[in-house]
Amino acid sequence: MNSLFFPFTAIVGMDLARHSLIFHAIDQSLGGTVLMGHRGCAKSTMVRAFKNILVRRNSVEAPFVEVPLGASEERLLGSVDTTLLVEQGKWREHKGLLEQAHGGVLYVDEVNLLPDHLVDQTLDAAASGQYRLEREGLSRQVEARFILVGTMNPEEGDLRPQLLDRFTHGVIIRDNYSAEERREIVRSRMAFEDDPVAFHKENEAGLSALKERIQNARNLSLIHISEPTRLGMISYAV
């Protein structure tokens, strides 16, 4: 349930990260974003709150899928239940996380700790919107169009530059908040912990307004973003 997540509009600061996620909510083909910062800087809070503002074009709630650390290639891409097939002669496919995220968000926490070949496969699927699944007699093209969001703590290991460069946005999150911002962060967090439902109700108007703006931006058919401009949106905040 969305009420379990801190509201997107209640997050203080982190403007570059917020704008990157909003841009991807408007145009899912941008190519993904990775948020970089030390542990405890609210990277995951920001990403999970992103679910608040995601709505498919038919107003159905978009999927939000998290890739667990240690996920296997079969878990990511999909597999066949071989035990059922051998013991009962029945064929059943397990959808991979990439396919489950179709139409929504695929979130990879600690993306720098995921094996490089899995990151590579995920980036390939995010760029093309599909991938080829080959498993135990199964062969099919899988639709997997999703917003790819990764988070990482650079102190715990780097992501290979060749992979990092394939994310459209890379944002370094810093916690250089003013005293007033820190007070607002503490106040908001305490209010949320005391009564998450009431806190969400306080933010419903802001969330609805933001979702409406995103939907209106999607519907603007007269705007064309040229390739040079799109590439120029790649921002590494130093």
Protein backbone atom coordinates (compact mmCIF):
# COMPACT_ATOMS: atom_id res chain seq x y z
CA MET A 1 0.00 0.00 0.00
CA ASN A 2 1.17 3.50 -0.81
CA SER A 3 0.34 4.63 2.75
CA LEU A 4 3.29 2.59 4.01
CA PHE A 5 5.71 4.82 2.11
CA PHE A 6 6.78 8.32 3.06
CA PRO A 7 4.99 10.76 0.70
CA PHE A 8 7.06 11.93 -2.26
CA THR A 9 5.94 15.55 -1.85
CA ALA A 10 6.95 15.60 1.84
CA ILE A 11 10.62 14.89 1.17
CA VAL A 12 12.82 17.89 1.96
CA GLY A 13 15.70 18.85 -0.34
CA MET A 14 17.20 16.30 -2.78
CA ASP A 15 15.99 18.46 -5.67
CA LEU A 16 18.13 16.85 -8.39
CA ALA A 17 17.00 13.36 -7.43
CA ARG A 18 13.37 14.46 -7.25
CA HIS A 19 13.51 16.14 -10.65
CA SER A 20 15.19 13.12 -12.23
CA LEU A 21 12.44 10.80 -11.00
CA ILE A 22 9.72 13.18 -12.16
CA PHE A 23 11.32 13.41 -15.61
CA HIS A 24 11.29 9.60 -15.80
CA ALA A 25 7.65 9.48 -14.67
CA ILE A 26 6.82 11.74 -17.61
CA ASP A 27 8.99 9.92 -20.15
CA GLN A 28 9.80 6.33 -19.23
CA SER A 29 12.13 6.02 -22.23
CA LEU A 30 14.74 8.35 -20.73
CA GLY A 31 16.93 5.43 -19.67
CA GLY A 32 17.05 5.22 -15.90
CA THR A 33 18.61 7.02 -12.97
CA VAL A 34 21.05 6.03 -10.25
CA LEU A 35 21.16 7.85 -6.91
CA MET A 36 24.52 7.82 -5.15
CA GLY A 37 25.13 8.68 -1.52
CA HIS A 38 26.21 7.40 1.86
CA ARG A 39 24.08 5.11 3.97
CA GLY A 40 21.21 6.90 5.70
CA CYS A 41 20.87 9.83 3.27
CA ALA A 42 17.28 8.78 2.36
CA LYS A 43 18.01 7.38 -1.12
CA SER A 44 15.68 4.43 -0.61
CA THR A 45 13.03 6.62 1.02
CA MET A 46 13.02 8.81 -2.07
CA VAL A 47 12.75 5.87 -4.48
CA ARG A 48 10.00 4.07 -2.58
CA ALA A 49 8.08 7.33 -2.28
CA PHE A 50 8.29 7.56 -6.07
CA LYS A 51 5.53 4.94 -6.18
CA ASN A 52 3.13 7.63 -4.89
CA ILE A 53 3.24 9.51 -8.17
CA LEU A 54 3.30 6.63 -10.63
CA VAL A 55 0.11 6.09 -12.60
CA ARG A 56 -0.23 4.19 -15.85
CA ARG A 57 -1.91 5.89 -18.76
CA ASN A 58 -5.14 4.01 -17.98
CA SER A 59 -5.01 5.23 -14.35
CA VAL A 60 -4.13 1.75 -13.03
CA GLU A 61 -1.50 1.56 -10.30
CA ALA A 62 1.91 0.86 -11.82
CA PRO A 63 4.00 -2.06 -10.53
CA PHE A 64 6.96 -1.34 -8.30
CA VAL A 65 9.43 -4.23 -8.22
CA GLU A 66 12.55 -4.42 -6.05
CA VAL A 67 15.51 -6.57 -7.05
CA PRO A 68 16.89 -8.23 -3.90
CA LEU A 69 20.61 -8.36 -3.32
CA GLY A 70 21.80 -11.80 -4.38
CA ALA A 71 19.11 -12.25 -7.05
CA SER A 72 19.96 -14.93 -9.59
CA GLU A 73 19.70 -14.68 -13.36
CA GLU A 74 16.65 -16.99 -13.27
CA ARG A 75 14.95 -14.71 -10.73
CA LEU A 76 15.71 -11.68 -12.85
CA LEU A 77 14.81 -13.01 -16.31
CA GLY A 78 12.38 -15.82 -15.50
CA SER A 79 12.50 -19.59 -15.27
CA VAL A 80 10.58 -22.83 -15.65
CA ASP A 81 9.45 -24.86 -12.62
CA THR A 82 11.57 -27.91 -13.39
CA THR A 83 10.43 -29.80 -10.29
CA LEU A 84 6.79 -29.63 -11.36
CA LEU A 85 7.75 -30.53 -14.90
CA VAL A 86 9.74 -33.63 -13.86
CA GLU A 87 7.46 -34.89 -11.11
CA GLN A 88 4.05 -34.14 -12.62
CA GLY A 89 4.75 -33.48 -16.27
CA LYS A 90 3.21 -30.03 -15.92
CA TRP A 91 4.82 -26.96 -17.41
CA ARG A 92 4.74 -23.72 -15.45
CA GLU A 93 6.75 -20.57 -15.99
CA HIS A 94 7.91 -18.23 -13.25
CA LYS A 95 7.90 -14.63 -14.46
CA GLY A 96 11.15 -12.80 -13.93
CA LEU A 97 11.45 -9.53 -12.05
CA LEU A 98 12.06 -7.63 -15.28
CA GLU A 99 8.76 -8.82 -16.72
CA GLN A 100 6.94 -8.16 -13.45
CA ALA A 101 8.13 -4.54 -13.60
CA HIS A 102 6.64 -4.00 -17.09
CA GLY A 103 4.79 -0.68 -17.11
CA GLY A 104 6.24 0.45 -13.80
CA VAL A 105 9.51 0.69 -11.89
CA LEU A 106 12.37 -1.74 -11.37
CA TYR A 107 14.32 -0.70 -8.29
CA VAL A 108 17.82 -2.07 -7.69
CA ASP A 109 19.11 -1.13 -4.25
CA GLU A 110 22.90 -1.38 -3.90
CA VAL A 111 23.15 -1.74 -7.67
CA ASN A 112 26.95 -1.62 -7.39
CA LEU A 113 26.86 -4.91 -5.45
CA LEU A 114 24.81 -6.74 -8.09
CA PRO A 115 26.97 -8.89 -10.42
CA ASP A 116 28.01 -6.92 -13.49
CA HIS A 117 26.43 -9.35 -15.96
CA LEU A 118 23.04 -8.96 -14.24
CA VAL A 119 23.36 -5.18 -14.28
CA ASP A 120 24.25 -5.41 -17.96
CA GLN A 121 21.19 -7.57 -18.74
CA THR A 122 18.96 -5.21 -16.78
CA LEU A 123 20.31 -2.16 -18.61
CA ASP A 124 19.86 -3.91 -21.98
CA ALA A 125 16.22 -4.66 -21.17
CA ALA A 126 15.62 -1.12 -19.90
CA ALA A 127 17.07 0.35 -23.10
CA SER A 128 15.22 -1.91 -25.55
CA GLY A 129 12.01 -2.54 -23.60
CA GLN A 130 12.34 -6.28 -24.11
CA TYR A 131 14.62 -9.29 -23.79
CA ARG A 132 14.88 -12.85 -25.05
CA LEU A 133 14.10 -15.62 -22.56
CA GLU A 134 15.65 -19.03 -23.25
CA ARG A 135 14.93 -21.68 -20.62
CA GLU A 136 14.39 -25.49 -20.75
CA GLY A 137 12.57 -25.56 -24.07
CA LEU A 138 11.04 -22.12 -23.51
CA SER A 139 11.91 -19.41 -26.00
CA ARG A 140 10.02 -16.16 -26.23
CA GLN A 141 10.43 -12.42 -26.49
CA VAL A 142 9.47 -10.72 -23.23
CA GLU A 143 8.07 -7.20 -23.03
CA ALA A 144 9.79 -5.34 -20.22
CA ARG A 145 9.35 -1.58 -20.42
CA PHE A 146 10.07 -0.04 -17.05
CA ILE A 147 11.74 2.87 -15.30
CA LEU A 148 15.07 1.67 -13.98
CA VAL A 149 16.12 3.22 -10.68
CA GLY A 150 19.28 2.22 -8.85
CA THR A 151 20.78 3.37 -5.58
CA MET A 152 24.31 2.85 -4.34
CA ASN A 153 26.76 3.82 -1.65
CA PRO A 154 30.07 4.55 -3.42
CA GLU A 155 31.92 3.78 -0.19
CA GLU A 156 30.83 0.13 -0.51
CA GLY A 157 32.11 -0.37 -4.03
CA ASP A 158 31.99 1.25 -7.44
CA LEU A 159 29.85 0.39 -10.43
CA ARG A 160 31.97 -0.14 -13.52
CA PRO A 161 32.12 3.15 -15.51
CA GLN A 162 30.85 1.37 -18.63
CA LEU A 163 27.68 0.43 -16.74
CA LEU A 164 27.30 3.68 -14.83
CA ASP A 165 27.50 5.65 -18.07
CA ARG A 166 24.48 3.77 -19.42
CA PHE A 167 22.18 5.38 -16.86
CA THR A 168 20.74 8.61 -18.25
CA HIS A 169 20.99 10.40 -14.90
CA GLY A 170 23.52 9.94 -12.14
CA VAL A 171 22.83 12.04 -9.06
CA ILE A 172 25.03 12.37 -6.00
CA ILE A 173 22.93 13.02 -2.91
CA ARG A 174 24.45 15.29 -0.31
CA ASP A 175 22.99 16.07 3.10
CA ASN A 176 24.18 19.68 3.34
CA TYR A 177 20.83 20.84 4.70
CA SER A 178 20.25 24.12 6.46
CA ALA A 179 19.20 24.17 10.11
CA GLU A 180 15.62 24.96 9.07
CA GLU A 181 15.56 22.06 6.61
CA ARG A 182 16.85 19.67 9.25
CA ARG A 183 14.09 20.77 11.63
CA GLU A 184 11.51 20.19 8.90
CA ILE A 185 12.93 16.73 8.16
CA VAL A 186 12.71 15.72 11.84
CA ARG A 187 9.20 17.19 12.21
CA SER A 188 7.90 15.42 9.09
CA ARG A 189 9.46 12.10 10.00
CA MET A 190 8.05 12.19 13.53
CA ALA A 191 4.59 13.05 12.20
CA PHE A 192 4.78 10.19 9.72
CA GLU A 193 5.93 7.67 12.35
CA ASP A 194 3.18 8.79 14.77
CA ASP A 195 0.33 8.43 12.24
CA PRO A 196 1.24 7.42 8.66
CA VAL A 197 -2.39 7.53 7.47
CA ALA A 198 -3.03 11.03 8.77
CA PHE A 199 0.30 12.23 7.39
CA HIS A 200 -0.61 10.88 3.96
CA LYS A 201 -3.95 12.64 4.08
CA GLU A 202 -2.12 15.90 4.75
CA ASN A 203 -0.11 15.35 1.60
CA GLU A 204 -2.89 14.02 -0.65
CA ALA A 205 -3.54 17.39 -2.30
CA GLY A 206 0.12 17.87 -3.17
CA LEU A 207 0.46 14.33 -4.50
CA SER A 208 -2.68 14.66 -6.62
CA ALA A 209 -1.50 17.97 -8.04
CA LEU A 210 1.89 16.51 -8.95
CA LYS A 211 0.34 13.44 -10.59
CA GLU A 212 -1.95 15.71 -12.61
CA ARG A 213 1.02 17.78 -13.78
CA ILE A 214 2.86 14.62 -14.80
CA GLN A 215 -0.19 13.36 -16.71
CA ASN A 216 -0.59 16.71 -18.45
CA ALA A 217 3.08 16.68 -19.42
CA ARG A 218 2.65 13.20 -20.91
CA ASN A 219 -0.27 14.41 -22.98
CA LEU A 220 1.63 17.32 -24.54
CA SER A 221 2.05 16.06 -28.08
CA LEU A 222 3.51 19.30 -29.47
CA ILE A 223 6.77 19.01 -27.56
CA HIS A 224 9.64 17.20 -29.24
CA ILE A 225 12.91 16.63 -27.41
CA SER A 226 15.76 16.39 -29.88
CA GLU A 227 18.48 13.80 -29.39
CA PRO A 228 21.19 16.38 -28.54
CA THR A 229 18.89 17.94 -25.95
CA ARG A 230 18.01 14.54 -24.52
CA LEU A 231 21.68 13.66 -24.20
CA GLY A 232 22.32 17.03 -22.61
CA MET A 233 19.97 16.08 -19.79
CA ILE A 234 22.55 13.62 -18.48
CA SER A 235 23.61 15.20 -15.21
CA TYR A 236 26.25 14.12 -12.77
CA ALA A 237 25.93 16.38 -9.73
CA VAL A 238 29.36 16.82 -8.19
